[in-house]
N, C-alpha and C. Protein backbone atom coordinates (compact mmCIF):
# COMPACT_ATOMS: atom_id res chain seq x y z
N MET A 1 -75.40 -138.09 23.83
CA MET A 1 -74.42 -138.69 22.97
C MET A 1 -73.10 -138.78 23.74
N ASN A 2 -72.56 -140.00 23.84
CA ASN A 2 -71.28 -140.19 24.52
C ASN A 2 -70.14 -139.75 23.63
N ALA A 3 -69.14 -139.12 24.23
CA ALA A 3 -67.97 -138.67 23.48
C ALA A 3 -67.11 -139.87 23.11
N LYS A 4 -66.60 -139.85 21.90
CA LYS A 4 -65.67 -140.87 21.41
C LYS A 4 -64.26 -140.42 21.75
N LYS A 5 -63.46 -141.37 22.19
CA LYS A 5 -62.08 -141.05 22.57
C LYS A 5 -61.16 -141.18 21.35
N VAL A 6 -60.46 -140.09 21.06
CA VAL A 6 -59.50 -140.03 19.97
C VAL A 6 -58.16 -139.63 20.58
N ILE A 7 -57.10 -140.36 20.25
CA ILE A 7 -55.78 -139.98 20.76
C ILE A 7 -54.90 -139.51 19.61
N ILE A 8 -54.04 -138.56 19.94
CA ILE A 8 -53.02 -138.09 19.00
C ILE A 8 -51.68 -138.58 19.54
N ILE A 9 -51.01 -139.41 18.75
CA ILE A 9 -49.73 -139.97 19.18
C ILE A 9 -48.68 -139.73 18.10
N GLY A 10 -47.44 -139.76 18.51
CA GLY A 10 -46.32 -139.55 17.60
C GLY A 10 -45.13 -139.08 18.40
N ASP A 11 -44.03 -138.97 17.70
CA ASP A 11 -42.78 -138.55 18.32
C ASP A 11 -42.88 -137.11 18.81
N SER A 12 -41.97 -136.72 19.67
CA SER A 12 -41.89 -135.35 20.16
C SER A 12 -41.59 -134.41 18.98
N ASN A 13 -42.20 -133.23 19.00
CA ASN A 13 -41.96 -132.17 18.01
C ASN A 13 -42.52 -132.44 16.61
N VAL A 14 -43.46 -133.37 16.48
CA VAL A 14 -44.08 -133.59 15.17
C VAL A 14 -45.27 -132.67 14.94
N GLY A 15 -45.73 -132.01 16.02
CA GLY A 15 -46.83 -131.05 15.89
C GLY A 15 -48.18 -131.56 16.37
N LYS A 16 -48.18 -132.50 17.30
CA LYS A 16 -49.44 -133.06 17.82
C LYS A 16 -50.29 -131.98 18.49
N THR A 17 -49.68 -131.21 19.38
CA THR A 17 -50.41 -130.15 20.08
C THR A 17 -50.85 -129.06 19.10
N SER A 18 -50.01 -128.73 18.16
CA SER A 18 -50.36 -127.73 17.15
C SER A 18 -51.56 -128.18 16.32
N LEU A 19 -51.59 -129.45 15.98
CA LEU A 19 -52.70 -130.02 15.23
C LEU A 19 -54.00 -129.89 16.04
N LEU A 20 -53.93 -130.24 17.31
CA LEU A 20 -55.10 -130.16 18.19
C LEU A 20 -55.58 -128.73 18.34
N PHE A 21 -54.68 -127.80 18.63
CA PHE A 21 -55.06 -126.41 18.84
C PHE A 21 -55.56 -125.76 17.55
N ARG A 22 -54.99 -126.17 16.43
CA ARG A 22 -55.49 -125.63 15.15
C ARG A 22 -56.93 -126.07 14.94
N TYR A 23 -57.24 -127.32 15.24
CA TYR A 23 -58.60 -127.80 15.02
C TYR A 23 -59.59 -127.22 16.05
N VAL A 24 -59.24 -127.28 17.32
CA VAL A 24 -60.17 -126.87 18.38
C VAL A 24 -60.33 -125.35 18.45
N TYR A 25 -59.24 -124.61 18.37
CA TYR A 25 -59.28 -123.16 18.56
C TYR A 25 -58.96 -122.35 17.30
N ASN A 26 -58.59 -123.03 16.21
CA ASN A 26 -58.11 -122.37 14.99
C ASN A 26 -56.96 -121.42 15.31
N GLN A 27 -56.02 -121.91 16.13
CA GLN A 27 -54.85 -121.13 16.51
C GLN A 27 -53.58 -121.95 16.26
N PHE A 28 -52.50 -121.23 16.02
CA PHE A 28 -51.19 -121.87 15.88
C PHE A 28 -50.20 -121.08 16.70
N ASP A 29 -49.50 -121.75 17.59
CA ASP A 29 -48.52 -121.12 18.47
C ASP A 29 -47.12 -121.58 18.07
N THR A 30 -46.30 -120.67 17.59
CA THR A 30 -44.95 -121.03 17.16
C THR A 30 -44.06 -121.40 18.35
N ASN A 31 -44.49 -121.07 19.56
CA ASN A 31 -43.70 -121.36 20.76
C ASN A 31 -44.31 -122.46 21.62
N SER A 32 -45.02 -123.39 21.00
CA SER A 32 -45.66 -124.48 21.73
C SER A 32 -44.63 -125.32 22.48
N MET A 33 -44.92 -125.62 23.73
CA MET A 33 -44.02 -126.42 24.56
C MET A 33 -44.40 -127.90 24.45
N PRO A 34 -43.44 -128.83 24.64
CA PRO A 34 -43.77 -130.25 24.59
C PRO A 34 -44.81 -130.61 25.66
N THR A 35 -45.69 -131.53 25.29
CA THR A 35 -46.71 -132.02 26.22
C THR A 35 -46.06 -132.94 27.24
N LEU A 36 -46.43 -132.76 28.49
CA LEU A 36 -45.97 -133.65 29.56
C LEU A 36 -47.18 -134.47 29.99
N GLY A 37 -47.08 -135.79 29.85
CA GLY A 37 -48.23 -136.64 30.17
C GLY A 37 -49.24 -136.57 29.05
N ALA A 38 -50.45 -136.07 29.37
CA ALA A 38 -51.49 -135.96 28.35
C ALA A 38 -52.53 -134.95 28.82
N GLY A 39 -53.29 -134.47 27.88
CA GLY A 39 -54.41 -133.59 28.17
C GLY A 39 -55.42 -133.77 27.05
N PHE A 40 -56.67 -133.35 27.28
CA PHE A 40 -57.64 -133.52 26.21
C PHE A 40 -58.52 -132.29 26.06
N LYS A 41 -59.10 -132.20 24.88
CA LYS A 41 -60.07 -131.16 24.54
C LYS A 41 -61.30 -131.87 23.99
N SER A 42 -62.47 -131.35 24.32
CA SER A 42 -63.72 -131.89 23.79
C SER A 42 -64.20 -131.00 22.64
N LYS A 43 -64.79 -131.64 21.66
CA LYS A 43 -65.31 -130.89 20.51
C LYS A 43 -66.30 -131.77 19.77
N GLU A 44 -67.24 -131.14 19.09
CA GLU A 44 -68.13 -131.86 18.19
C GLU A 44 -67.59 -131.71 16.78
N ILE A 45 -67.43 -132.83 16.11
CA ILE A 45 -67.02 -132.82 14.70
C ILE A 45 -68.32 -132.80 13.90
N SER A 46 -68.44 -131.85 12.99
CA SER A 46 -69.63 -131.74 12.14
C SER A 46 -69.24 -131.79 10.68
N TRP A 47 -70.12 -132.36 9.86
CA TRP A 47 -69.91 -132.42 8.42
C TRP A 47 -71.26 -132.60 7.75
N ILE A 48 -71.30 -132.36 6.47
CA ILE A 48 -72.51 -132.53 5.66
C ILE A 48 -72.39 -133.88 4.95
N ASP A 49 -73.39 -134.75 5.14
CA ASP A 49 -73.33 -136.06 4.50
C ASP A 49 -73.85 -136.00 3.06
N LYS A 50 -73.88 -137.15 2.40
CA LYS A 50 -74.27 -137.21 0.98
C LYS A 50 -75.70 -136.74 0.74
N SER A 51 -76.56 -136.87 1.76
CA SER A 51 -77.95 -136.43 1.60
C SER A 51 -78.13 -134.98 2.06
N GLN A 52 -77.02 -134.26 2.21
CA GLN A 52 -77.00 -132.84 2.60
C GLN A 52 -77.51 -132.60 4.02
N GLN A 53 -77.41 -133.63 4.87
CA GLN A 53 -77.77 -133.51 6.27
C GLN A 53 -76.52 -133.28 7.09
N THR A 54 -76.64 -132.44 8.13
CA THR A 54 -75.52 -132.21 9.03
C THR A 54 -75.41 -133.39 9.99
N GLN A 55 -74.24 -133.95 10.06
CA GLN A 55 -73.95 -135.05 10.98
C GLN A 55 -72.95 -134.54 12.02
N THR A 56 -73.04 -135.05 13.23
CA THR A 56 -72.08 -134.67 14.27
C THR A 56 -71.70 -135.89 15.09
N VAL A 57 -70.52 -135.81 15.64
CA VAL A 57 -70.06 -136.80 16.61
C VAL A 57 -69.23 -136.04 17.63
N LYS A 58 -69.48 -136.31 18.90
CA LYS A 58 -68.73 -135.64 19.97
C LYS A 58 -67.48 -136.47 20.27
N VAL A 59 -66.35 -135.76 20.39
CA VAL A 59 -65.09 -136.45 20.65
C VAL A 59 -64.33 -135.79 21.80
N GLN A 60 -63.55 -136.61 22.47
CA GLN A 60 -62.51 -136.14 23.39
C GLN A 60 -61.20 -136.44 22.67
N ILE A 61 -60.46 -135.40 22.36
CA ILE A 61 -59.20 -135.57 21.63
C ILE A 61 -58.06 -135.45 22.62
N TRP A 62 -57.36 -136.56 22.82
CA TRP A 62 -56.27 -136.63 23.80
C TRP A 62 -54.94 -136.35 23.12
N ASP A 63 -54.23 -135.38 23.64
CA ASP A 63 -52.90 -135.00 23.17
C ASP A 63 -51.90 -135.66 24.11
N THR A 64 -51.03 -136.51 23.57
CA THR A 64 -50.12 -137.28 24.41
C THR A 64 -48.67 -136.83 24.23
N ALA A 65 -47.86 -137.11 25.23
CA ALA A 65 -46.43 -136.79 25.18
C ALA A 65 -45.74 -137.70 24.17
N GLY A 66 -44.78 -137.14 23.44
CA GLY A 66 -44.07 -137.92 22.45
C GLY A 66 -42.69 -138.37 22.88
N GLN A 67 -42.20 -137.83 24.00
CA GLN A 67 -40.85 -138.20 24.43
C GLN A 67 -40.83 -139.65 24.92
N GLU A 68 -39.74 -140.35 24.62
CA GLU A 68 -39.63 -141.76 24.98
C GLU A 68 -39.84 -142.02 26.46
N LYS A 69 -39.39 -141.10 27.32
CA LYS A 69 -39.52 -141.33 28.76
C LYS A 69 -40.98 -141.40 29.20
N PHE A 70 -41.92 -140.95 28.34
CA PHE A 70 -43.34 -141.00 28.67
C PHE A 70 -44.08 -142.13 27.96
N ASP A 71 -43.35 -143.02 27.25
CA ASP A 71 -43.99 -144.10 26.48
C ASP A 71 -44.97 -144.93 27.31
N ALA A 72 -44.55 -145.38 28.48
CA ALA A 72 -45.43 -146.22 29.30
C ALA A 72 -46.68 -145.46 29.72
N LEU A 73 -46.51 -144.20 30.07
CA LEU A 73 -47.63 -143.36 30.46
C LEU A 73 -48.57 -143.14 29.28
N THR A 74 -48.01 -142.85 28.12
CA THR A 74 -48.81 -142.62 26.93
C THR A 74 -49.66 -143.84 26.59
N LYS A 75 -49.08 -145.03 26.71
CA LYS A 75 -49.81 -146.26 26.39
C LYS A 75 -51.02 -146.45 27.31
N MET A 76 -50.96 -145.90 28.51
CA MET A 76 -52.11 -145.99 29.43
C MET A 76 -53.32 -145.28 28.84
N TYR A 77 -53.09 -144.25 28.05
CA TYR A 77 -54.19 -143.48 27.46
C TYR A 77 -54.82 -144.18 26.26
N PHE A 78 -54.26 -145.30 25.83
CA PHE A 78 -54.82 -146.04 24.70
C PHE A 78 -56.14 -146.72 25.08
N LYS A 79 -56.34 -146.99 26.36
CA LYS A 79 -57.54 -147.72 26.81
C LYS A 79 -58.80 -146.98 26.38
N ASN A 80 -59.73 -147.72 25.84
CA ASN A 80 -61.04 -147.22 25.37
C ASN A 80 -60.94 -146.22 24.23
N THR A 81 -59.83 -146.26 23.52
CA THR A 81 -59.66 -145.38 22.37
C THR A 81 -60.40 -145.95 21.17
N GLU A 82 -61.11 -145.07 20.48
CA GLU A 82 -61.84 -145.51 19.28
C GLU A 82 -61.14 -145.09 18.00
N ALA A 83 -60.27 -144.07 18.09
CA ALA A 83 -59.52 -143.63 16.91
C ALA A 83 -58.17 -143.09 17.36
N ALA A 84 -57.16 -143.35 16.53
CA ALA A 84 -55.80 -142.89 16.82
C ALA A 84 -55.29 -142.09 15.62
N ILE A 85 -54.80 -140.89 15.92
CA ILE A 85 -54.14 -140.05 14.91
C ILE A 85 -52.65 -140.23 15.15
N ILE A 86 -51.98 -140.91 14.23
CA ILE A 86 -50.55 -141.17 14.35
C ILE A 86 -49.84 -140.14 13.50
N VAL A 87 -49.11 -139.23 14.15
CA VAL A 87 -48.53 -138.07 13.46
C VAL A 87 -47.02 -138.24 13.29
N TYR A 88 -46.54 -137.88 12.12
CA TYR A 88 -45.11 -137.77 11.89
C TYR A 88 -44.83 -136.44 11.19
N ASP A 89 -43.59 -136.03 11.22
CA ASP A 89 -43.13 -134.78 10.61
C ASP A 89 -42.54 -135.13 9.23
N VAL A 90 -43.11 -134.57 8.17
CA VAL A 90 -42.66 -134.90 6.81
C VAL A 90 -41.21 -134.48 6.55
N THR A 91 -40.63 -133.66 7.44
CA THR A 91 -39.25 -133.22 7.25
C THR A 91 -38.26 -134.07 8.06
N HIS A 92 -38.75 -135.08 8.78
CA HIS A 92 -37.87 -135.93 9.60
C HIS A 92 -38.23 -137.40 9.40
N ASP A 93 -37.37 -138.10 8.67
CA ASP A 93 -37.60 -139.51 8.38
C ASP A 93 -37.71 -140.35 9.65
N LEU A 94 -36.92 -140.00 10.68
CA LEU A 94 -36.95 -140.76 11.93
C LEU A 94 -38.34 -140.72 12.57
N SER A 95 -39.04 -139.59 12.46
CA SER A 95 -40.38 -139.51 13.04
C SER A 95 -41.35 -140.44 12.30
N PHE A 96 -41.12 -140.64 11.01
CA PHE A 96 -41.92 -141.60 10.23
C PHE A 96 -41.65 -143.02 10.70
N GLU A 97 -40.38 -143.33 10.94
CA GLU A 97 -40.03 -144.66 11.46
C GLU A 97 -40.65 -144.89 12.84
N LYS A 98 -40.62 -143.86 13.68
CA LYS A 98 -41.21 -143.97 15.02
C LYS A 98 -42.73 -144.13 14.93
N ALA A 99 -43.34 -143.55 13.92
CA ALA A 99 -44.79 -143.71 13.73
C ALA A 99 -45.14 -145.19 13.60
N GLN A 100 -44.25 -145.94 12.99
CA GLN A 100 -44.48 -147.38 12.83
C GLN A 100 -44.46 -148.09 14.19
N LYS A 101 -43.67 -147.59 15.12
CA LYS A 101 -43.66 -148.13 16.48
C LYS A 101 -44.99 -147.83 17.16
N TRP A 102 -45.50 -146.61 16.95
CA TRP A 102 -46.79 -146.25 17.57
C TRP A 102 -47.91 -147.12 17.01
N VAL A 103 -47.85 -147.43 15.72
CA VAL A 103 -48.86 -148.31 15.12
C VAL A 103 -48.79 -149.69 15.77
N LYS A 104 -47.58 -150.18 15.98
CA LYS A 104 -47.41 -151.48 16.64
C LYS A 104 -48.03 -151.45 18.04
N ASP A 105 -47.82 -150.36 18.77
CA ASP A 105 -48.40 -150.22 20.11
C ASP A 105 -49.93 -150.23 20.06
N ILE A 106 -50.50 -149.54 19.08
CA ILE A 106 -51.96 -149.54 18.93
C ILE A 106 -52.45 -150.94 18.60
N ASN A 107 -51.75 -151.64 17.71
CA ASN A 107 -52.14 -153.01 17.35
C ASN A 107 -52.10 -153.92 18.57
N GLU A 108 -51.12 -153.75 19.44
CA GLU A 108 -51.05 -154.54 20.67
C GLU A 108 -52.23 -154.24 21.58
N THR A 109 -52.62 -152.98 21.66
CA THR A 109 -53.78 -152.59 22.46
C THR A 109 -55.04 -153.24 21.91
N GLU A 110 -55.18 -153.25 20.59
CA GLU A 110 -56.35 -153.89 19.97
C GLU A 110 -56.41 -155.37 20.35
N ALA A 111 -55.27 -156.04 20.30
CA ALA A 111 -55.22 -157.47 20.62
C ALA A 111 -55.53 -157.73 22.09
N THR A 112 -54.96 -156.93 22.96
CA THR A 112 -55.14 -157.09 24.41
C THR A 112 -56.57 -156.76 24.84
N ASP A 113 -57.11 -155.66 24.32
CA ASP A 113 -58.43 -155.19 24.75
C ASP A 113 -59.57 -155.69 23.87
N HIS A 114 -59.25 -156.51 22.86
CA HIS A 114 -60.26 -157.05 21.95
C HIS A 114 -61.15 -155.94 21.39
N CYS A 115 -60.51 -154.96 20.80
CA CYS A 115 -61.23 -153.82 20.25
C CYS A 115 -60.65 -153.47 18.89
N HIS A 116 -61.30 -152.53 18.23
CA HIS A 116 -60.79 -152.04 16.95
C HIS A 116 -60.59 -150.54 17.07
N VAL A 117 -59.40 -150.09 16.75
CA VAL A 117 -59.08 -148.66 16.78
C VAL A 117 -58.92 -148.18 15.34
N LEU A 118 -59.71 -147.18 14.96
CA LEU A 118 -59.55 -146.57 13.64
C LEU A 118 -58.22 -145.83 13.62
N LYS A 119 -57.46 -146.02 12.54
CA LYS A 119 -56.14 -145.40 12.46
C LYS A 119 -56.11 -144.33 11.36
N PHE A 120 -55.47 -143.21 11.69
CA PHE A 120 -55.31 -142.10 10.77
C PHE A 120 -53.84 -141.71 10.79
N LEU A 121 -53.12 -142.01 9.73
CA LEU A 121 -51.71 -141.66 9.62
C LEU A 121 -51.63 -140.25 9.05
N VAL A 122 -50.93 -139.36 9.75
CA VAL A 122 -50.90 -137.95 9.38
C VAL A 122 -49.48 -137.44 9.25
N GLY A 123 -49.13 -136.99 8.05
CA GLY A 123 -47.85 -136.32 7.82
C GLY A 123 -48.07 -134.83 8.04
N ASN A 124 -47.48 -134.28 9.07
CA ASN A 124 -47.65 -132.86 9.40
C ASN A 124 -46.47 -132.05 8.86
N LYS A 125 -46.65 -130.76 8.78
CA LYS A 125 -45.65 -129.78 8.33
C LYS A 125 -45.49 -129.80 6.82
N SER A 126 -46.59 -130.04 6.10
CA SER A 126 -46.54 -130.05 4.64
C SER A 126 -46.18 -128.68 4.06
N ASP A 127 -46.27 -127.64 4.89
CA ASP A 127 -45.88 -126.29 4.45
C ASP A 127 -44.37 -126.18 4.22
N LEU A 128 -43.60 -127.11 4.76
CA LEU A 128 -42.14 -127.08 4.63
C LEU A 128 -41.70 -127.95 3.44
N ASP A 129 -42.30 -127.69 2.30
CA ASP A 129 -42.10 -128.51 1.10
C ASP A 129 -40.64 -128.64 0.70
N ASP A 130 -39.85 -127.57 0.85
CA ASP A 130 -38.44 -127.60 0.48
C ASP A 130 -37.61 -128.51 1.37
N GLU A 131 -38.12 -128.79 2.58
CA GLU A 131 -37.39 -129.62 3.54
C GLU A 131 -37.95 -131.04 3.63
N LYS A 132 -38.96 -131.34 2.85
CA LYS A 132 -39.66 -132.63 2.91
C LYS A 132 -38.73 -133.79 2.56
N VAL A 133 -38.72 -134.81 3.44
CA VAL A 133 -37.93 -136.02 3.18
C VAL A 133 -38.81 -137.27 3.13
N VAL A 134 -40.03 -137.18 3.66
CA VAL A 134 -40.98 -138.29 3.58
C VAL A 134 -42.06 -137.88 2.59
N GLY A 135 -42.01 -138.47 1.40
CA GLY A 135 -42.94 -138.11 0.34
C GLY A 135 -44.36 -138.57 0.61
N PHE A 136 -45.29 -137.93 -0.07
CA PHE A 136 -46.71 -138.26 0.05
C PHE A 136 -46.95 -139.75 -0.21
N ASN A 137 -46.37 -140.26 -1.29
CA ASN A 137 -46.59 -141.67 -1.67
C ASN A 137 -46.10 -142.64 -0.61
N LYS A 138 -44.99 -142.33 0.03
CA LYS A 138 -44.46 -143.21 1.09
C LYS A 138 -45.45 -143.29 2.24
N GLY A 139 -45.99 -142.14 2.66
CA GLY A 139 -46.99 -142.13 3.72
C GLY A 139 -48.26 -142.86 3.32
N ALA A 140 -48.73 -142.59 2.11
CA ALA A 140 -49.97 -143.20 1.61
C ALA A 140 -49.83 -144.72 1.50
N GLU A 141 -48.68 -145.18 1.03
CA GLU A 141 -48.45 -146.63 0.89
C GLU A 141 -48.42 -147.32 2.25
N TYR A 142 -47.75 -146.70 3.22
CA TYR A 142 -47.70 -147.30 4.55
C TYR A 142 -49.09 -147.31 5.18
N ALA A 143 -49.84 -146.23 5.01
CA ALA A 143 -51.20 -146.17 5.55
C ALA A 143 -52.05 -147.31 4.97
N LYS A 144 -51.92 -147.54 3.68
CA LYS A 144 -52.66 -148.62 3.03
C LYS A 144 -52.29 -149.98 3.63
N GLN A 145 -50.98 -150.19 3.87
CA GLN A 145 -50.49 -151.45 4.47
C GLN A 145 -51.13 -151.72 5.82
N ILE A 146 -51.33 -150.67 6.61
CA ILE A 146 -51.81 -150.85 7.98
C ILE A 146 -53.32 -150.63 8.11
N GLY A 147 -53.99 -150.38 6.99
CA GLY A 147 -55.43 -150.17 7.02
C GLY A 147 -55.83 -148.84 7.64
N ALA A 148 -55.00 -147.83 7.43
CA ALA A 148 -55.26 -146.50 8.00
C ALA A 148 -55.66 -145.53 6.90
N SER A 149 -56.36 -144.49 7.29
CA SER A 149 -56.59 -143.36 6.39
C SER A 149 -55.33 -142.51 6.41
N PHE A 150 -55.04 -141.85 5.30
CA PHE A 150 -53.83 -141.04 5.23
C PHE A 150 -54.17 -139.59 4.91
N HIS A 151 -53.52 -138.69 5.63
CA HIS A 151 -53.69 -137.25 5.40
C HIS A 151 -52.33 -136.58 5.54
N GLU A 152 -52.06 -135.65 4.64
CA GLU A 152 -50.89 -134.79 4.78
C GLU A 152 -51.43 -133.40 5.08
N VAL A 153 -50.95 -132.78 6.16
CA VAL A 153 -51.53 -131.53 6.66
C VAL A 153 -50.44 -130.53 7.03
N SER A 154 -50.90 -129.29 7.24
CA SER A 154 -50.05 -128.27 7.84
C SER A 154 -50.86 -127.60 8.94
N ALA A 155 -50.50 -127.88 10.19
CA ALA A 155 -51.16 -127.21 11.31
C ALA A 155 -50.85 -125.71 11.25
N LYS A 156 -49.66 -125.37 10.82
CA LYS A 156 -49.25 -123.96 10.75
C LYS A 156 -50.13 -123.18 9.76
N ASP A 157 -50.29 -123.72 8.56
CA ASP A 157 -51.04 -123.02 7.52
C ASP A 157 -52.51 -123.42 7.46
N ASN A 158 -52.95 -124.28 8.37
CA ASN A 158 -54.34 -124.74 8.43
C ASN A 158 -54.75 -125.42 7.12
N VAL A 159 -53.90 -126.31 6.64
CA VAL A 159 -54.19 -127.05 5.41
C VAL A 159 -54.49 -128.51 5.77
N GLY A 160 -55.66 -128.97 5.38
CA GLY A 160 -56.03 -130.38 5.57
C GLY A 160 -56.54 -130.73 6.96
N ILE A 161 -56.60 -129.79 7.87
CA ILE A 161 -57.01 -130.07 9.25
C ILE A 161 -58.50 -130.41 9.32
N ILE A 162 -59.33 -129.57 8.74
CA ILE A 162 -60.78 -129.81 8.76
C ILE A 162 -61.10 -131.14 8.07
N GLU A 163 -60.46 -131.39 6.94
CA GLU A 163 -60.70 -132.63 6.20
C GLU A 163 -60.33 -133.85 7.04
N LEU A 164 -59.21 -133.76 7.76
CA LEU A 164 -58.79 -134.85 8.63
C LEU A 164 -59.88 -135.16 9.66
N PHE A 165 -60.33 -134.13 10.37
CA PHE A 165 -61.28 -134.37 11.44
C PHE A 165 -62.67 -134.74 10.92
N GLU A 166 -63.05 -134.24 9.76
CA GLU A 166 -64.31 -134.69 9.15
C GLU A 166 -64.23 -136.17 8.80
N ASP A 167 -63.08 -136.61 8.29
CA ASP A 167 -62.87 -138.02 7.97
C ASP A 167 -62.98 -138.86 9.25
N ILE A 168 -62.37 -138.39 10.32
CA ILE A 168 -62.46 -139.09 11.60
C ILE A 168 -63.92 -139.18 12.05
N GLY A 169 -64.63 -138.06 11.98
CA GLY A 169 -66.04 -138.04 12.38
C GLY A 169 -66.88 -139.02 11.58
N ARG A 170 -66.72 -139.01 10.26
CA ARG A 170 -67.47 -139.94 9.39
C ARG A 170 -67.19 -141.39 9.76
N LYS A 171 -65.92 -141.70 9.94
CA LYS A 171 -65.56 -143.11 10.20
C LYS A 171 -65.99 -143.55 11.60
N LEU A 172 -65.96 -142.64 12.56
CA LEU A 172 -66.47 -142.97 13.90
C LEU A 172 -67.97 -143.23 13.83
N LYS A 173 -68.69 -142.43 13.06
CA LYS A 173 -70.14 -142.59 12.91
C LYS A 173 -70.46 -143.93 12.25
N ILE A 174 -69.73 -144.28 11.20
CA ILE A 174 -69.93 -145.56 10.52
C ILE A 174 -69.64 -146.71 11.48
N ALA A 175 -68.55 -146.62 12.23
CA ALA A 175 -68.20 -147.68 13.19
C ALA A 175 -69.30 -147.84 14.25
N GLU A 176 -69.86 -146.72 14.68
CA GLU A 176 -70.94 -146.76 15.68
C GLU A 176 -72.18 -147.44 15.08
N GLN A 177 -72.51 -147.11 13.85
CA GLN A 177 -73.67 -147.72 13.20
C GLN A 177 -73.46 -149.20 12.97
N ASN A 178 -72.24 -149.61 12.67
CA ASN A 178 -71.95 -151.02 12.43
C ASN A 178 -72.01 -151.85 13.72
N LYS A 179 -71.87 -151.20 14.88
CA LYS A 179 -71.95 -151.92 16.17
C LYS A 179 -73.39 -152.28 16.51
N ARG A 180 -74.34 -151.53 15.95
CA ARG A 180 -75.76 -151.74 16.30
C ARG A 180 -76.31 -153.01 15.71
């Protein structure tokens, strides 16, 4: 089984690396440093389907730099991507606005490479409810506009992480079956 390429993109400090480490290692590091360039982790996403059968899909999850100075480098990692996790911080409206730029970049890649990238819009840091400035409905409405799945998660508290990746696994499996 060939691994499917999944990228995590978003502004700096939205929690992309924390999201990845929470899913792959079930760990959260409060002192996580910004990613320089990109790196990836391999993992099998497993879930139980409607017929109670275990389904799996192998993925390479690429963690990309969010700082503007790495934009050109980050876009290089879009090649052959089958799914994109576009992350914003629910406590910073600017990160939500920047997420829209990342969506535009993915759309350009789709047009250039004649491919379809599954999109997953993710509002991270839902544990900071008192500081929230981007509401659930705003994220959900934008996700609907762009044809993306929407998830609000907390990498810190491990809320919604498994559900996010199971959704990615299911949709990658469906996309693979539709190609046949």
